């Protein structure tokens, strides 16, 4: 086997090892830096959709995470499985979403 082929194979193996290590790290680490039960202050200044994606990643049912324009009328019931994300006229979250 030529010198260039060996170098290329070594490079490919190195890249694959780093890729596998990154996948394992990001899929197995615990999310210790955030409270997955809410509220979600990290959503402030994000779009409503980005915030919704973040909350769904924490394991909530996508149908129970709703984006609502600020000032809209909502039901008065309390549902610990529901999260309301209030957004301004630009679709940006201005206050931390919470369960209820």
PDB file of N, CA and C in Angstrom:
ATOM      1  N   UNK A   1       0.839  -1.172   0.000  1.00  0.00           N
ATOM      2  CA  UNK A   1       0.000   0.000   0.000  1.00  0.00           C
ATOM      3  C   UNK A   1       0.887   1.239   0.000  1.00  0.00           C
ATOM      4  N   UNK A   2       0.513   2.211  -0.825  1.00  0.00           N
ATOM      5  CA  UNK A   2       1.315   3.409  -0.938  1.00  0.00           C
ATOM      6  C   UNK A   2       1.236   4.292   0.301  1.00  0.00           C
ATOM      7  N   UNK A   3       2.224   5.176   0.429  1.00  0.00           N
ATOM      8  CA  UNK A   3       2.297   6.089   1.574  1.00  0.00           C
ATOM      9  C   UNK A   3       1.080   6.998   1.630  1.00  0.00           C
ATOM     10  N   UNK A   4       0.608   7.484   0.491  1.00  0.00           N
ATOM     11  CA  UNK A   4      -0.534   8.392   0.446  1.00  0.00           C
ATOM     12  C   UNK A   4      -1.834   7.680   0.838  1.00  0.00           C
ATOM     13  N   UNK A   5      -1.955   6.423   0.447  1.00  0.00           N
ATOM     14  CA  UNK A   5      -3.156   5.655   0.788  1.00  0.00           C
ATOM     15  C   UNK A   5      -3.214   5.426   2.294  1.00  0.00           C
ATOM     16  N   UNK A   6      -2.065   5.081   2.900  1.00  0.00           N
ATOM     17  CA  UNK A   6      -2.020   4.878   4.347  1.00  0.00           C
ATOM     18  C   UNK A   6      -2.370   6.174   5.084  1.00  0.00           C
ATOM     19  N   UNK A   7      -1.844   7.283   4.626  1.00  0.00           N
ATOM     20  CA  UNK A   7      -2.134   8.572   5.256  1.00  0.00           C
ATOM     21  C   UNK A   7      -3.616   8.904   5.134  1.00  0.00           C
ATOM     22  N   UNK A   8      -4.181   8.635   3.976  1.00  0.00           N
ATOM     23  CA  UNK A   8      -5.597   8.906   3.764  1.00  0.00           C
ATOM     24  C   UNK A   8      -6.465   8.038   4.675  1.00  0.00           C
ATOM     25  N   UNK A   9      -6.140   6.747   4.780  1.00  0.00           N
ATOM     26  CA  UNK A   9      -6.898   5.848   5.645  1.00  0.00           C
ATOM     27  C   UNK A   9      -6.788   6.256   7.111  1.00  0.00           C
ATOM     28  N   UNK A  10      -5.618   6.682   7.528  1.00  0.00           N
ATOM     29  CA  UNK A  10      -5.433   7.148   8.898  1.00  0.00           C
ATOM     30  C   UNK A  10      -6.291   8.389   9.154  1.00  0.00           C
ATOM     31  N   UNK A  11      -6.336   9.287   8.211  1.00  0.00           N
ATOM     32  CA  UNK A  11      -7.148  10.502   8.334  1.00  0.00           C
ATOM     33  C   UNK A  11      -8.632  10.153   8.415  1.00  0.00           C
ATOM     34  N   UNK A  12      -9.092   9.252   7.569  1.00  0.00           N
ATOM     35  CA  UNK A  12     -10.498   8.837   7.566  1.00  0.00           C
ATOM     36  C   UNK A  12     -10.856   8.187   8.898  1.00  0.00           C
ATOM     37  N   UNK A  13     -10.008   7.319   9.403  1.00  0.00           N
ATOM     38  CA  UNK A  13     -10.268   6.654  10.685  1.00  0.00           C
ATOM     39  C   UNK A  13     -10.312   7.662  11.824  1.00  0.00           C
ATOM     40  N   UNK A  14      -9.421   8.625  11.806  1.00  0.00           N
ATOM     41  CA  UNK A  14      -9.400   9.657  12.842  1.00  0.00           C
ATOM     42  C   UNK A  14     -10.682  10.476  12.824  1.00  0.00           C
ATOM     43  N   UNK A  15     -11.102  10.887  11.647  1.00  0.00           N
ATOM     44  CA  UNK A  15     -12.333  11.672  11.518  1.00  0.00           C
ATOM     45  C   UNK A  15     -13.539  10.857  11.979  1.00  0.00           C
ATOM     46  N   UNK A  16     -13.607   9.602  11.598  1.00  0.00           N
ATOM     47  CA  UNK A  16     -14.711   8.739  12.025  1.00  0.00           C
ATOM     48  C   UNK A  16     -14.737   8.563  13.535  1.00  0.00           C
ATOM     49  N   UNK A  17     -13.580   8.398  14.143  1.00  0.00           N
ATOM     50  CA  UNK A  17     -13.514   8.254  15.601  1.00  0.00           C
ATOM     51  C   UNK A  17     -14.019   9.510  16.295  1.00  0.00           C
ATOM     52  N   UNK A  18     -13.622  10.674  15.834  1.00  0.00           N
ATOM     53  CA  UNK A  18     -14.102  11.927  16.416  1.00  0.00           C
ATOM     54  C   UNK A  18     -15.601  12.091  16.210  1.00  0.00           C
ATOM     55  N   UNK A  19     -16.095  11.718  15.052  1.00  0.00           N
ATOM     56  CA  UNK A  19     -17.526  11.829  14.780  1.00  0.00           C
ATOM     57  C   UNK A  19     -18.324  10.912  15.699  1.00  0.00           C
ATOM     58  N   UNK A  20     -17.862   9.695  15.870  1.00  0.00           N
ATOM     59  CA  UNK A  20     -18.551   8.754  16.755  1.00  0.00           C
ATOM     60  C   UNK A  20     -18.507   9.251  18.201  1.00  0.00           C
ATOM     61  N   UNK A  21     -17.367   9.766  18.621  1.00  0.00           N
ATOM     62  CA  UNK A  21     -17.249  10.289  19.985  1.00  0.00           C
ATOM     63  C   UNK A  21     -18.209  11.461  20.196  1.00  0.00           C
ATOM     64  N   UNK A  22     -18.329  12.342  19.224  1.00  0.00           N
ATOM     65  CA  UNK A  22     -19.241  13.483  19.339  1.00  0.00           C
ATOM     66  C   UNK A  22     -20.684  13.023  19.407  1.00  0.00           C
ATOM     67  N   UNK A  23     -21.044  12.062  18.587  1.00  0.00           N
ATOM     68  CA  UNK A  23     -22.422  11.540  18.604  1.00  0.00           C
ATOM     69  C   UNK A  23     -22.732  10.917  19.960  1.00  0.00           C
ATOM     70  N   UNK A  24     -21.838  10.113  20.462  1.00  0.00           N
ATOM     71  CA  UNK A  24     -22.053   9.478  21.764  1.00  0.00           C
ATOM     72  C   UNK A  24     -22.158  10.542  22.856  1.00  0.00           C
ATOM     73  N   UNK A  25     -21.283  11.526  22.830  1.00  0.00           N
ATOM     74  CA  UNK A  25     -21.301  12.573  23.855  1.00  0.00           C
ATOM     75  C   UNK A  25     -22.615  13.330  23.850  1.00  0.00           C
ATOM     76  N   UNK A  26     -23.073  13.776  22.696  1.00  0.00           N
ATOM     77  CA  UNK A  26     -24.256  14.615  22.630  1.00  0.00           C
ATOM     78  C   UNK A  26     -25.561  13.843  22.787  1.00  0.00           C
ATOM     79  N   UNK A  27     -25.551  12.550  22.559  1.00  0.00           N
ATOM     80  CA  UNK A  27     -26.794  11.794  22.715  1.00  0.00           C
ATOM     81  C   UNK A  27     -26.918  11.131  24.074  1.00  0.00           C
ATOM     82  N   UNK A  28     -25.843  11.034  24.829  1.00  0.00           N
ATOM     83  CA  UNK A  28     -25.913  10.360  26.123  1.00  0.00           C
ATOM     84  C   UNK A  28     -25.748  11.284  27.313  1.00  0.00           C
ATOM     85  N   UNK A  29     -25.309  12.491  27.114  1.00  0.00           N
ATOM     86  CA  UNK A  29     -25.096  13.366  28.271  1.00  0.00           C
ATOM     87  C   UNK A  29     -26.433  13.797  28.853  1.00  0.00           C
ATOM     88  N   UNK A  30     -26.444  13.980  30.147  1.00  0.00           N
ATOM     89  CA  UNK A  30     -27.655  14.433  30.814  1.00  0.00           C
ATOM     90  C   UNK A  30     -27.754  15.944  30.662  1.00  0.00           C
ATOM     91  N   UNK A  31     -28.966  16.410  30.592  1.00  0.00           N
ATOM     92  CA  UNK A  31     -29.205  17.840  30.441  1.00  0.00           C
ATOM     93  C   UNK A  31     -29.252  18.477  31.830  1.00  0.00           C
ATOM     94  N   UNK A  32     -28.086  18.608  32.455  1.00  0.00           N
ATOM     95  CA  UNK A  32     -28.002  19.086  33.824  1.00  0.00           C
ATOM     96  C   UNK A  32     -28.043  20.602  33.933  1.00  0.00           C
ATOM     97  N   UNK A  33     -27.825  21.299  32.851  1.00  0.00           N
ATOM     98  CA  UNK A  33     -27.763  22.757  32.921  1.00  0.00           C
ATOM     99  C   UNK A  33     -29.141  23.405  32.853  1.00  0.00           C
ATOM    100  N   UNK A  34     -30.191  22.638  32.520  1.00  0.00           N
ATOM    101  CA  UNK A  34     -31.524  23.210  32.394  1.00  0.00           C
ATOM    102  C   UNK A  34     -32.516  22.442  33.246  1.00  0.00           C
ATOM    103  N   UNK A  35     -33.521  23.146  33.680  1.00  0.00           N
ATOM    104  CA  UNK A  35     -34.617  22.521  34.403  1.00  0.00           C
ATOM    105  C   UNK A  35     -35.646  22.092  33.369  1.00  0.00           C
ATOM    106  N   UNK A  36     -35.781  20.790  33.147  1.00  0.00           N
ATOM    107  CA  UNK A  36     -36.689  20.293  32.115  1.00  0.00           C
ATOM    108  C   UNK A  36     -38.144  20.304  32.554  1.00  0.00           C
ATOM    109  N   UNK A  37     -38.398  20.669  33.788  1.00  0.00           N
ATOM    110  CA  UNK A  37     -39.770  20.767  34.281  1.00  0.00           C
ATOM    111  C   UNK A  37     -40.330  22.177  34.110  1.00  0.00           C
ATOM    112  N   UNK A  38     -39.490  23.124  33.720  1.00  0.00           N
ATOM    113  CA  UNK A  38     -39.929  24.498  33.542  1.00  0.00           C
ATOM    114  C   UNK A  38     -39.806  25.268  34.836  1.00  0.00           C
ATOM    115  N   UNK A  39     -39.875  26.586  34.780  1.00  0.00           N
ATOM    116  CA  UNK A  39     -40.029  27.375  33.560  1.00  0.00           C
ATOM    117  C   UNK A  39     -38.768  27.315  32.694  1.00  0.00           C
ATOM    118  N   UNK A  40     -38.873  27.909  31.504  1.00  0.00           N
ATOM    119  CA  UNK A  40     -37.795  27.866  30.524  1.00  0.00           C
ATOM    120  C   UNK A  40     -37.289  29.282  30.228  1.00  0.00           C
ATOM    121  N   UNK A  41     -36.482  29.878  31.114  1.00  0.00           N
ATOM    122  CA  UNK A  41     -35.983  31.241  30.874  1.00  0.00           C
ATOM    123  C   UNK A  41     -35.048  31.338  29.668  1.00  0.00           C
ATOM    124  N   UNK A  42     -34.475  30.201  29.254  1.00  0.00           N
ATOM    125  CA  UNK A  42     -33.586  30.221  28.085  1.00  0.00           C
ATOM    126  C   UNK A  42     -34.337  30.513  26.798  1.00  0.00           C
ATOM    127  N   UNK A  43     -35.673  30.492  26.858  1.00  0.00           N
ATOM    128  CA  UNK A  43     -36.493  30.790  25.680  1.00  0.00           C
ATOM    129  C   UNK A  43     -36.630  32.291  25.417  1.00  0.00           C
ATOM    130  N   UNK A  44     -36.383  33.091  26.445  1.00  0.00           N
ATOM    131  CA  UNK A  44     -36.541  34.540  26.274  1.00  0.00           C
ATOM    132  C   UNK A  44     -35.632  35.021  25.155  1.00  0.00           C
ATOM    133  N   UNK A  45     -36.185  35.789  24.245  1.00  0.00           N
ATOM    134  CA  UNK A  45     -35.512  36.363  23.062  1.00  0.00           C
ATOM    135  C   UNK A  45     -35.398  35.389  21.900  1.00  0.00           C
ATOM    136  N   UNK A  46     -35.893  34.160  22.057  1.00  0.00           N
ATOM    137  CA  UNK A  46     -35.934  33.214  20.934  1.00  0.00           C
ATOM    138  C   UNK A  46     -37.278  33.356  20.226  1.00  0.00           C
ATOM    139  N   UNK A  47     -37.362  32.794  19.033  1.00  0.00           N
ATOM    140  CA  UNK A  47     -38.664  32.762  18.368  1.00  0.00           C
ATOM    141  C   UNK A  47     -39.547  31.743  19.090  1.00  0.00           C
ATOM    142  N   UNK A  48     -40.836  31.890  18.930  1.00  0.00           N
ATOM    143  CA  UNK A  48     -41.757  30.943  19.536  1.00  0.00           C
ATOM    144  C   UNK A  48     -41.503  29.524  19.066  1.00  0.00           C
ATOM    145  N   UNK A  49     -41.222  29.352  17.780  1.00  0.00           N
ATOM    146  CA  UNK A  49     -40.968  28.016  17.226  1.00  0.00           C
ATOM    147  C   UNK A  49     -39.698  27.402  17.798  1.00  0.00           C
ATOM    148  N   UNK A  50     -38.632  28.213  17.934  1.00  0.00           N
ATOM    149  CA  UNK A  50     -37.397  27.690  18.525  1.00  0.00           C
ATOM    150  C   UNK A  50     -37.636  27.278  19.971  1.00  0.00           C
ATOM    151  N   UNK A  51     -38.395  28.086  20.693  1.00  0.00           N
ATOM    152  CA  UNK A  51     -38.724  27.768  22.081  1.00  0.00           C
ATOM    153  C   UNK A  51     -39.538  26.487  22.158  1.00  0.00           C
ATOM    154  N   UNK A  52     -40.508  26.346  21.290  1.00  0.00           N
ATOM    155  CA  UNK A  52     -41.345  25.143  21.274  1.00  0.00           C
ATOM    156  C   UNK A  52     -40.492  23.906  21.015  1.00  0.00           C
ATOM    157  N   UNK A  53     -39.576  23.990  20.059  1.00  0.00           N
ATOM    158  CA  UNK A  53     -38.689  22.861  19.763  1.00  0.00           C
ATOM    159  C   UNK A  53     -37.863  22.480  20.997  1.00  0.00           C
ATOM    160  N   UNK A  54     -37.358  23.481  21.710  1.00  0.00           N
ATOM    161  CA  UNK A  54     -36.557  23.247  22.903  1.00  0.00           C
ATOM    162  C   UNK A  54     -37.376  22.529  23.976  1.00  0.00           C
ATOM    163  N   UNK A  55     -38.595  22.978  24.195  1.00  0.00           N
ATOM    164  CA  UNK A  55     -39.453  22.375  25.213  1.00  0.00           C
ATOM    165  C   UNK A  55     -39.855  20.959  24.820  1.00  0.00           C
ATOM    166  N   UNK A  56     -40.121  20.734  23.552  1.00  0.00           N
ATOM    167  CA  UNK A  56     -40.472  19.388  23.083  1.00  0.00           C
ATOM    168  C   UNK A  56     -39.289  18.436  23.271  1.00  0.00           C
ATOM    169  N   UNK A  57     -38.071  18.940  23.088  1.00  0.00           N
ATOM    170  CA  UNK A  57     -36.881  18.116  23.312  1.00  0.00           C
ATOM    171  C   UNK A  57     -36.793  17.669  24.764  1.00  0.00           C
ATOM    172  N   UNK A  58     -37.398  18.429  25.668  1.00  0.00           N
ATOM    173  CA  UNK A  58     -37.404  18.065  27.082  1.00  0.00           C
ATOM    174  C   UNK A  58     -38.440  17.000  27.391  1.00  0.00           C
ATOM    175  N   UNK A  59     -39.172  16.531  26.378  1.00  0.00           N
ATOM    176  CA  UNK A  59     -40.063  15.407  26.546  1.00  0.00           C
ATOM    177  C   UNK A  59     -41.538  15.736  26.641  1.00  0.00           C
ATOM    178  N   UNK A  60     -41.927  16.978  26.409  1.00  0.00           N
ATOM    179  CA  UNK A  60     -43.345  17.320  26.463  1.00  0.00           C
ATOM    180  C   UNK A  60     -44.030  16.991  25.149  1.00  0.00           C
ATOM    181  N   UNK A  61     -45.303  16.694  25.226  1.00  0.00           N
ATOM    182  CA  UNK A  61     -46.122  16.373  24.064  1.00  0.00           C
ATOM    183  C   UNK A  61     -46.242  17.619  23.186  1.00  0.00           C
ATOM    184  N   UNK A  62     -45.933  17.489  21.910  1.00  0.00           N
ATOM    185  CA  UNK A  62     -45.944  18.644  21.008  1.00  0.00           C
ATOM    186  C   UNK A  62     -47.316  19.296  20.914  1.00  0.00           C
ATOM    187  N   UNK A  63     -48.371  18.512  21.127  1.00  0.00           N
ATOM    188  CA  UNK A  63     -49.719  19.080  21.064  1.00  0.00           C
ATOM    189  C   UNK A  63     -50.062  19.886  22.310  1.00  0.00           C
ATOM    190  N   UNK A  64     -49.282  19.712  23.372  1.00  0.00           N
ATOM    191  CA  UNK A  64     -49.532  20.420  24.626  1.00  0.00           C
ATOM    192  C   UNK A  64     -48.650  21.662  24.780  1.00  0.00           C
ATOM    193  N   UNK A  65     -47.777  21.897  23.807  1.00  0.00           N
ATOM    194  CA  UNK A  65     -46.924  23.087  23.814  1.00  0.00           C
ATOM    195  C   UNK A  65     -47.470  24.017  22.739  1.00  0.00           C
ATOM    196  N   UNK A  66     -48.028  25.150  23.180  1.00  0.00           N
ATOM    197  CA  UNK A  66     -48.712  26.038  22.240  1.00  0.00           C
ATOM    198  C   UNK A  66     -48.111  27.434  22.260  1.00  0.00           C
ATOM    199  N   UNK A  67     -48.072  28.037  21.079  1.00  0.00           N
ATOM    200  CA  UNK A  67     -47.578  29.404  20.925  1.00  0.00           C
ATOM    201  C   UNK A  67     -48.788  30.322  20.850  1.00  0.00           C
ATOM    202  N   UNK A  68     -48.796  31.355  21.693  1.00  0.00           N
ATOM    203  CA  UNK A  68     -49.949  32.251  21.798  1.00  0.00           C
ATOM    204  C   UNK A  68     -49.460  33.702  21.740  1.00  0.00           C
ATOM    205  N   UNK A  69     -50.099  34.534  20.907  1.00  0.00           N
ATOM    206  CA  UNK A  69     -49.742  35.958  20.904  1.00  0.00           C
ATOM    207  C   UNK A  69     -50.078  36.591  22.261  1.00  0.00           C
ATOM    208  N   UNK A  70     -49.182  37.457  22.754  1.00  0.00           N
ATOM    209  CA  UNK A  70     -49.426  38.148  24.022  1.00  0.00           C
ATOM    210  C   UNK A  70     -50.764  38.862  23.969  1.00  0.00           C
ATOM    211  N   UNK A  71     -51.503  38.795  25.054  1.00  0.00           N
ATOM    212  CA  UNK A  71     -52.781  39.481  25.141  1.00  0.00           C
ATOM    213  C   UNK A  71     -53.957  38.664  24.653  1.00  0.00           C
ATOM    214  N   UNK A  72     -53.708  37.479  24.123  1.00  0.00           N
ATOM    215  CA  UNK A  72     -54.797  36.630  23.639  1.00  0.00           C
ATOM    216  C   UNK A  72     -55.581  36.060  24.814  1.00  0.00           C
ATOM    217  N   UNK A  73     -56.861  35.799  24.579  1.00  0.00           N
ATOM    218  CA  UNK A  73     -57.682  35.153  25.601  1.00  0.00           C
ATOM    219  C   UNK A  73     -57.382  33.657  25.602  1.00  0.00           C
ATOM    220  N   UNK A  74     -57.283  33.093  26.808  1.00  0.00           N
ATOM    221  CA  UNK A  74     -57.032  31.663  26.964  1.00  0.00           C
ATOM    222  C   UNK A  74     -57.972  31.124  28.031  1.00  0.00           C
ATOM    223  N   UNK A  75     -58.111  29.800  28.075  1.00  0.00           N
ATOM    224  CA  UNK A  75     -58.954  29.190  29.105  1.00  0.00           C
ATOM    225  C   UNK A  75     -58.292  29.355  30.467  1.00  0.00           C
ATOM    226  N   UNK A  76     -59.084  29.302  31.512  1.00  0.00           N
ATOM    227  CA  UNK A  76     -58.558  29.500  32.853  1.00  0.00           C
ATOM    228  C   UNK A  76     -58.157  28.220  33.560  1.00  0.00           C
ATOM    229  N   UNK A  77     -58.324  27.074  32.894  1.00  0.00           N
ATOM    230  CA  UNK A  77     -57.967  25.812  33.549  1.00  0.00           C
ATOM    231  C   UNK A  77     -56.457  25.675  33.678  1.00  0.00           C
ATOM    232  N   UNK A  78     -56.048  24.871  34.644  1.00  0.00           N
ATOM    233  CA  UNK A  78     -54.624  24.641  34.890  1.00  0.00           C
ATOM    234  C   UNK A  78     -54.291  23.211  34.501  1.00  0.00           C
ATOM    235  N   UNK A  79     -53.345  23.046  33.583  1.00  0.00           N
ATOM    236  CA  UNK A  79     -52.955  21.733  33.074  1.00  0.00           C
ATOM    237  C   UNK A  79     -51.435  21.626  33.158  1.00  0.00           C
ATOM    238  N   UNK A  80     -50.931  20.799  34.059  1.00  0.00           N
ATOM    239  CA  UNK A  80     -49.482  20.687  34.252  1.00  0.00           C
ATOM    240  C   UNK A  80     -48.766  20.056  33.064  1.00  0.00           C
ATOM    241  N   UNK A  81     -49.512  19.467  32.137  1.00  0.00           N
ATOM    242  CA  UNK A  81     -48.908  18.895  30.930  1.00  0.00           C
ATOM    243  C   UNK A  81     -48.813  19.921  29.801  1.00  0.00           C
ATOM    244  N   UNK A  82     -49.418  21.099  29.992  1.00  0.00           N
ATOM    245  CA  UNK A  82     -49.460  22.118  28.935  1.00  0.00           C
ATOM    246  C   UNK A  82     -48.439  23.217  29.232  1.00  0.00           C
ATOM    247  N   UNK A  83     -47.845  23.726  28.161  1.00  0.00           N
ATOM    248  CA  UNK A  83     -46.970  24.890  28.255  1.00  0.00           C
ATOM    249  C   UNK A  83     -47.446  25.905  27.229  1.00  0.00           C
ATOM    250  N   UNK A  84     -47.717  27.101  27.693  1.00  0.00           N
ATOM    251  CA  UNK A  84     -48.096  28.194  26.793  1.00  0.00           C
ATOM    252  C   UNK A  84     -46.883  29.084  26.596  1.00  0.00           C
ATOM    253  N   UNK A  85     -46.581  29.324  25.335  1.00  0.00           N
ATOM    254  CA  UNK A  85     -45.458  30.193  24.975  1.00  0.00           C
ATOM    255  C   UNK A  85     -46.060  31.487  24.440  1.00  0.00           C
ATOM    256  N   UNK A  86     -45.914  32.560  25.197  1.00  0.00           N
ATOM    257  CA  UNK A  86     -46.454  33.847  24.764  1.00  0.00           C
ATOM    258  C   UNK A  86     -45.400  34.598  23.966  1.00  0.00           C
ATOM    259  N   UNK A  87     -45.786  35.054  22.768  1.00  0.00           N
ATOM    260  CA  UNK A  87     -44.862  35.767  21.883  1.00  0.00           C
ATOM    261  C   UNK A  87     -45.394  37.163  21.578  1.00  0.00           C
ATOM    262  N   UNK A  88     -44.478  38.077  21.287  1.00  0.00           N
ATOM    263  CA  UNK A  88     -44.887  39.432  20.913  1.00  0.00           C
ATOM    264  C   UNK A  88     -45.282  39.475  19.436  1.00  0.00           C
ATOM    265  N   UNK A  89     -45.542  40.671  18.929  1.00  0.00           N
ATOM    266  CA  UNK A  89     -46.011  40.796  17.544  1.00  0.00           C
ATOM    267  C   UNK A  89     -44.974  40.349  16.514  1.00  0.00           C
ATOM    268  N   UNK A  90     -43.703  40.238  16.943  1.00  0.00           N
ATOM    269  CA  UNK A  90     -42.649  39.758  16.046  1.00  0.00           C
ATOM    270  C   UNK A  90     -42.401  38.256  16.197  1.00  0.00           C
ATOM    271  N   UNK A  91     -43.196  37.600  17.058  1.00  0.00           N
ATOM    272  CA  UNK A  91     -43.028  36.169  17.269  1.00  0.00           C
ATOM    273  C   UNK A  91     -41.913  35.813  18.216  1.00  0.00           C
ATOM    274  N   UNK A  92     -41.468  36.784  19.038  1.00  0.00           N
ATOM    275  CA  UNK A  92     -40.362  36.588  19.964  1.00  0.00           C
ATOM    276  C   UNK A  92     -40.888  36.395  21.383  1.00  0.00           C
ATOM    277  N   UNK A  93     -40.308  35.442  22.099  1.00  0.00           N
ATOM    278  CA  UNK A  93     -40.704  35.153  23.479  1.00  0.00           C
ATOM    279  C   UNK A  93     -40.141  36.259  24.388  1.00  0.00           C
ATOM    280  N   UNK A  94     -41.025  36.867  25.187  1.00  0.00           N
ATOM    281  CA  UNK A  94     -40.619  37.957  26.078  1.00  0.00           C
ATOM    282  C   UNK A  94     -40.594  37.554  27.560  1.00  0.00           C
ATOM    283  N   UNK A  95     -41.265  36.437  27.904  1.00  0.00           N
ATOM    284  CA  UNK A  95     -41.261  35.952  29.285  1.00  0.00           C
ATOM    285  C   UNK A  95     -41.112  34.430  29.261  1.00  0.00           C
ATOM    286  N   UNK A  96     -40.557  33.907  30.353  1.00  0.00           N
ATOM    287  CA  UNK A  96     -40.265  32.468  30.413  1.00  0.00           C
ATOM    288  C   UNK A  96     -41.533  31.634  30.403  1.00  0.00           C
ATOM    289  N   UNK A  97     -41.670  30.738  29.422  1.00  0.00           N
ATOM    290  CA  UNK A  97     -42.819  29.832  29.406  1.00  0.00           C
ATOM    291  C   UNK A  97     -42.798  28.919  30.636  1.00  0.00           C
ATOM    292  N   UNK A  98     -43.987  28.521  31.085  1.00  0.00           N
ATOM    293  CA  UNK A  98     -44.074  27.612  32.227  1.00  0.00           C
ATOM    294  C   UNK A  98     -45.276  26.700  32.044  1.00  0.00           C
ATOM    295  N   UNK A  99     -45.312  25.656  32.846  1.00  0.00           N
ATOM    296  CA  UNK A  99     -46.422  24.721  32.785  1.00  0.00           C
ATOM    297  C   UNK A  99     -47.683  25.373  33.329  1.00  0.00           C
ATOM    298  N   UNK A 100     -48.807  24.879  32.885  1.00  0.00           N
ATOM    299  CA  UNK A 100     -50.065  25.390  33.420  1.00  0.00           C
ATOM    300  C   UNK A 100     -51.039  25.627  32.383  1.00  0.00           C
TER     301      UNK A 100
END
